[in-house]
Amino acid sequence: MILLFLLMDSVAKIPHPCNFERRLRIAEVLFVTCARFAIITRGYNRHTMCRWCDEPAPTLLLDGTRQFNHGDYFEQHETFERLWKEERREIRKLYQGILQIGVAMYHLQNCNHHGAVYMLRRGSMYLEAFAPHCQSVDVANLLVQASRILQVVERLGPAKLKQFDWGLAPRIRLTE
C-alpha cells in the first residue's frame, strides 16, 4: 500500500504538459488498477499461483479454447463457466478472465458497445495476475490482444461498431 501512495505521489509531481486534472486522473487510474490487482491476488501468493499455473490444462480449458478460437463465443462461455464453477481454488479467476474476453467478443458481434468495453476491461483485470502464462495459456499475449481490441472499440464508439475489423479477433495461444 505504501508503494501505491508513492507511485501516486510521483505521478502528481511529474513535470508534464498536461494540466493538474489530467495528472490527478492518471493517479486515480493507477490507484484503481493497483487496488483491483490487490483484490484479485488476495489470499494467495505468487508461489501458489505458479504451482497452479504449472498444472496441465484441464480438458474443459482446451475445449473452451477451441471454441473461443473458432469464434463460438456463446459456446465458450458455457464451457468456461462450467470450468469456473467446478474449480474452487483461485485459479478459477483465470477461467473467468478468459470467459469474459469471449463474452466481450459476443457483445461485439451484437453491437453492444458498453458490454464489449466493460467485459474487455474486466476480463483483462482478472487475467493480469496470471501473466505471462498459466496452464499452457499465453496470458500475456491474450492481454495484448484484448488491449488492442479495447482501443479499437473505444475509437469506433457505439455508432461505428459494425466497422470492427474481425481480423483482430483474439485467439488464445497455447504454449505447449
Protein backbone atom coordinates (compact mmCIF):
# COMPACT_ATOMS: atom_id res chain seq x y z
CA MET A 1 0.00 0.00 0.00
CA ILE A 2 2.89 2.35 0.74
CA LEU A 3 4.25 1.69 -2.76
CA LEU A 4 0.88 2.64 -4.19
CA PHE A 5 0.88 6.03 -2.47
CA LEU A 6 4.48 6.65 -3.53
CA LEU A 7 3.55 5.93 -7.14
CA MET A 8 0.54 8.24 -6.95
CA ASP A 9 2.65 10.98 -5.42
CA SER A 10 5.26 10.55 -8.16
CA VAL A 11 2.64 10.84 -10.91
CA ALA A 12 1.26 14.01 -9.34
CA LYS A 13 4.74 15.62 -9.28
CA ILE A 14 5.81 14.70 -12.84
CA PRO A 15 6.50 17.83 -14.87
CA HIS A 16 4.12 17.23 -17.72
CA PRO A 17 2.38 19.44 -20.25
CA CYS A 18 -0.92 18.04 -19.01
CA ASN A 19 -2.87 20.09 -16.54
CA PHE A 20 -3.27 19.14 -12.89
CA GLU A 21 -6.66 17.49 -13.50
CA ARG A 22 -5.11 15.19 -16.12
CA ARG A 23 -2.29 14.17 -13.75
CA LEU A 24 -4.83 13.59 -10.99
CA ARG A 25 -6.86 11.35 -13.33
CA ILE A 26 -3.71 9.35 -14.14
CA ALA A 27 -3.07 8.91 -10.41
CA GLU A 28 -6.67 7.81 -9.86
CA VAL A 29 -6.44 5.22 -12.64
CA LEU A 30 -3.18 3.94 -11.17
CA PHE A 31 -4.79 3.68 -7.74
CA VAL A 32 -7.82 1.77 -9.06
CA THR A 33 -5.60 -0.59 -11.06
CA CYS A 34 -3.37 -1.35 -8.09
CA ALA A 35 -6.36 -1.78 -5.78
CA ARG A 36 -8.00 -4.20 -8.22
CA PHE A 37 -4.80 -6.21 -8.51
CA ALA A 38 -4.58 -6.40 -4.73
CA ILE A 39 -8.17 -7.63 -4.51
CA ILE A 40 -7.71 -10.21 -7.28
CA THR A 41 -4.49 -11.64 -5.85
CA ARG A 42 -5.70 -11.56 -2.24
CA GLY A 43 -5.48 -14.88 -0.48
CA TYR A 44 -2.63 -16.44 -2.42
CA ASN A 45 0.96 -15.67 -3.19
CA ARG A 46 2.99 -15.91 -6.38
CA HIS A 47 4.38 -19.30 -5.32
CA THR A 48 0.87 -20.74 -5.03
CA MET A 49 -0.13 -19.21 -8.35
CA CYS A 50 2.96 -20.71 -10.01
CA ARG A 51 2.01 -24.15 -8.76
CA TRP A 52 -1.49 -23.80 -10.20
CA CYS A 53 -0.17 -22.37 -13.45
CA ASP A 54 2.27 -25.26 -13.85
CA GLU A 55 -0.59 -27.76 -13.74
CA PRO A 56 -1.65 -29.26 -17.08
CA ALA A 57 -4.53 -27.54 -18.81
CA PRO A 58 -7.86 -29.16 -17.86
CA THR A 59 -9.86 -30.70 -20.70
CA LEU A 60 -12.57 -28.04 -20.36
CA LEU A 61 -9.92 -25.32 -20.75
CA LEU A 62 -8.77 -26.91 -24.00
CA ASP A 63 -12.37 -27.33 -25.21
CA GLY A 64 -13.21 -23.72 -24.36
CA THR A 65 -10.05 -22.55 -26.09
CA ARG A 66 -11.03 -24.32 -29.31
CA GLN A 67 -14.49 -22.74 -29.16
CA PHE A 68 -13.02 -19.30 -28.41
CA ASN A 69 -10.55 -19.57 -31.31
CA HIS A 70 -13.34 -20.57 -33.71
CA GLY A 71 -15.39 -17.53 -32.73
CA ASP A 72 -18.01 -19.61 -30.92
CA TYR A 73 -18.22 -17.08 -28.11
CA PHE A 74 -21.55 -18.20 -26.68
CA GLU A 75 -20.38 -21.82 -26.52
CA GLN A 76 -17.02 -20.89 -24.98
CA HIS A 77 -18.94 -19.01 -22.31
CA GLU A 78 -20.84 -22.16 -21.37
CA THR A 79 -17.65 -24.24 -21.27
CA PHE A 80 -15.55 -21.78 -19.27
CA GLU A 81 -18.44 -21.10 -16.91
CA ARG A 82 -18.70 -24.82 -16.17
CA LEU A 83 -14.94 -24.96 -15.53
CA TRP A 84 -15.13 -21.82 -13.38
CA LYS A 85 -17.99 -23.22 -11.30
CA GLU A 86 -16.29 -26.60 -10.78
CA GLU A 87 -12.99 -25.07 -9.63
CA ARG A 88 -12.82 -23.91 -6.00
CA ARG A 89 -9.28 -22.51 -5.97
CA GLU A 90 -8.40 -19.01 -7.09
CA ILE A 91 -7.16 -20.35 -10.45
CA ARG A 92 -10.84 -20.07 -11.34
CA LYS A 93 -10.18 -16.36 -11.95
CA LEU A 94 -8.03 -17.33 -14.95
CA TYR A 95 -11.04 -19.11 -16.43
CA GLN A 96 -13.30 -16.20 -15.53
CA GLY A 97 -10.97 -13.74 -17.26
CA ILE A 98 -10.84 -15.79 -20.48
CA LEU A 99 -14.61 -16.26 -20.34
CA GLN A 100 -15.14 -12.51 -20.04
CA ILE A 101 -12.89 -11.68 -23.00
CA GLY A 102 -15.01 -14.13 -25.01
CA VAL A 103 -18.21 -12.52 -23.72
CA ALA A 104 -16.82 -9.15 -24.83
CA MET A 105 -16.46 -10.55 -28.33
CA TYR A 106 -20.03 -11.87 -28.17
CA HIS A 107 -21.19 -8.36 -27.24
CA LEU A 108 -19.14 -7.01 -30.13
CA GLN A 109 -20.89 -9.41 -32.53
CA ASN A 110 -24.18 -8.00 -31.28
CA CYS A 111 -23.01 -4.36 -31.49
CA ASN A 112 -23.27 -3.88 -27.73
CA HIS A 113 -20.55 -1.27 -27.23
CA HIS A 114 -20.95 -0.89 -23.47
CA GLY A 115 -20.96 -4.66 -22.89
CA ALA A 116 -17.86 -5.15 -25.05
CA VAL A 117 -15.87 -2.39 -23.33
CA TYR A 118 -16.93 -3.49 -19.84
CA MET A 119 -16.05 -7.15 -20.40
CA LEU A 120 -12.73 -6.40 -22.13
CA ARG A 121 -11.68 -4.33 -19.11
CA ARG A 122 -13.00 -6.73 -16.52
CA GLY A 123 -11.65 -9.87 -18.21
CA SER A 124 -8.22 -8.28 -18.55
CA MET A 125 -8.30 -7.33 -14.89
CA TYR A 126 -8.76 -10.98 -13.91
CA LEU A 127 -6.08 -12.22 -16.31
CA GLU A 128 -3.30 -9.85 -15.23
CA ALA A 129 -2.41 -11.90 -12.16
CA PHE A 130 -1.74 -14.98 -14.31
CA ALA A 131 0.60 -13.45 -16.91
CA PRO A 132 2.81 -14.33 -18.64
CA HIS A 133 1.40 -17.84 -18.97
CA CYS A 134 -0.71 -20.25 -16.99
CA GLN A 135 -1.85 -23.81 -17.64
CA SER A 136 -0.40 -23.60 -21.17
CA VAL A 137 -2.31 -20.38 -21.97
CA ASP A 138 -0.20 -17.47 -23.22
CA VAL A 139 -1.96 -14.99 -20.95
CA ALA A 140 0.36 -12.08 -21.79
CA ASN A 141 -0.47 -12.44 -25.48
CA LEU A 142 -4.21 -12.57 -24.78
CA LEU A 143 -3.90 -9.40 -22.69
CA VAL A 144 -2.13 -7.60 -25.54
CA GLN A 145 -4.86 -8.65 -27.96
CA ALA A 146 -7.64 -7.58 -25.57
CA SER A 147 -5.97 -4.20 -25.06
CA ARG A 148 -5.67 -3.65 -28.82
CA ILE A 149 -9.33 -4.56 -29.34
CA LEU A 150 -10.41 -2.27 -26.49
CA GLN A 151 -8.59 0.65 -28.13
CA VAL A 152 -10.28 -0.03 -31.47
CA VAL A 153 -13.74 -0.46 -29.91
CA GLU A 154 -13.37 2.76 -27.91
CA ARG A 155 -12.19 4.62 -31.02
CA LEU A 156 -15.11 3.30 -33.10
CA GLY A 157 -17.70 4.12 -30.46
CA PRO A 158 -21.25 2.74 -30.48
CA ALA A 159 -22.21 4.31 -33.81
CA LYS A 160 -19.43 2.67 -35.84
CA LEU A 161 -19.10 -0.65 -34.04
CA LYS A 162 -20.23 -2.56 -37.15
CA GLN A 163 -16.97 -1.44 -38.79
CA PHE A 164 -14.90 -3.54 -36.36
CA ASP A 165 -12.19 -5.48 -38.22
CA TRP A 166 -12.79 -9.11 -37.27
CA GLY A 167 -9.25 -9.88 -38.36
CA LEU A 168 -8.36 -8.51 -34.91
CA ALA A 169 -10.46 -11.14 -33.12
CA PRO A 170 -8.37 -12.61 -30.32
CA ARG A 171 -7.00 -16.11 -30.40
CA ILE A 172 -5.83 -17.97 -27.33
CA ARG A 173 -2.32 -19.19 -27.92
CA LEU A 174 -1.22 -22.32 -26.09
CA THR A 175 2.43 -22.55 -25.07
CA GLU A 176 2.74 -26.33 -25.02
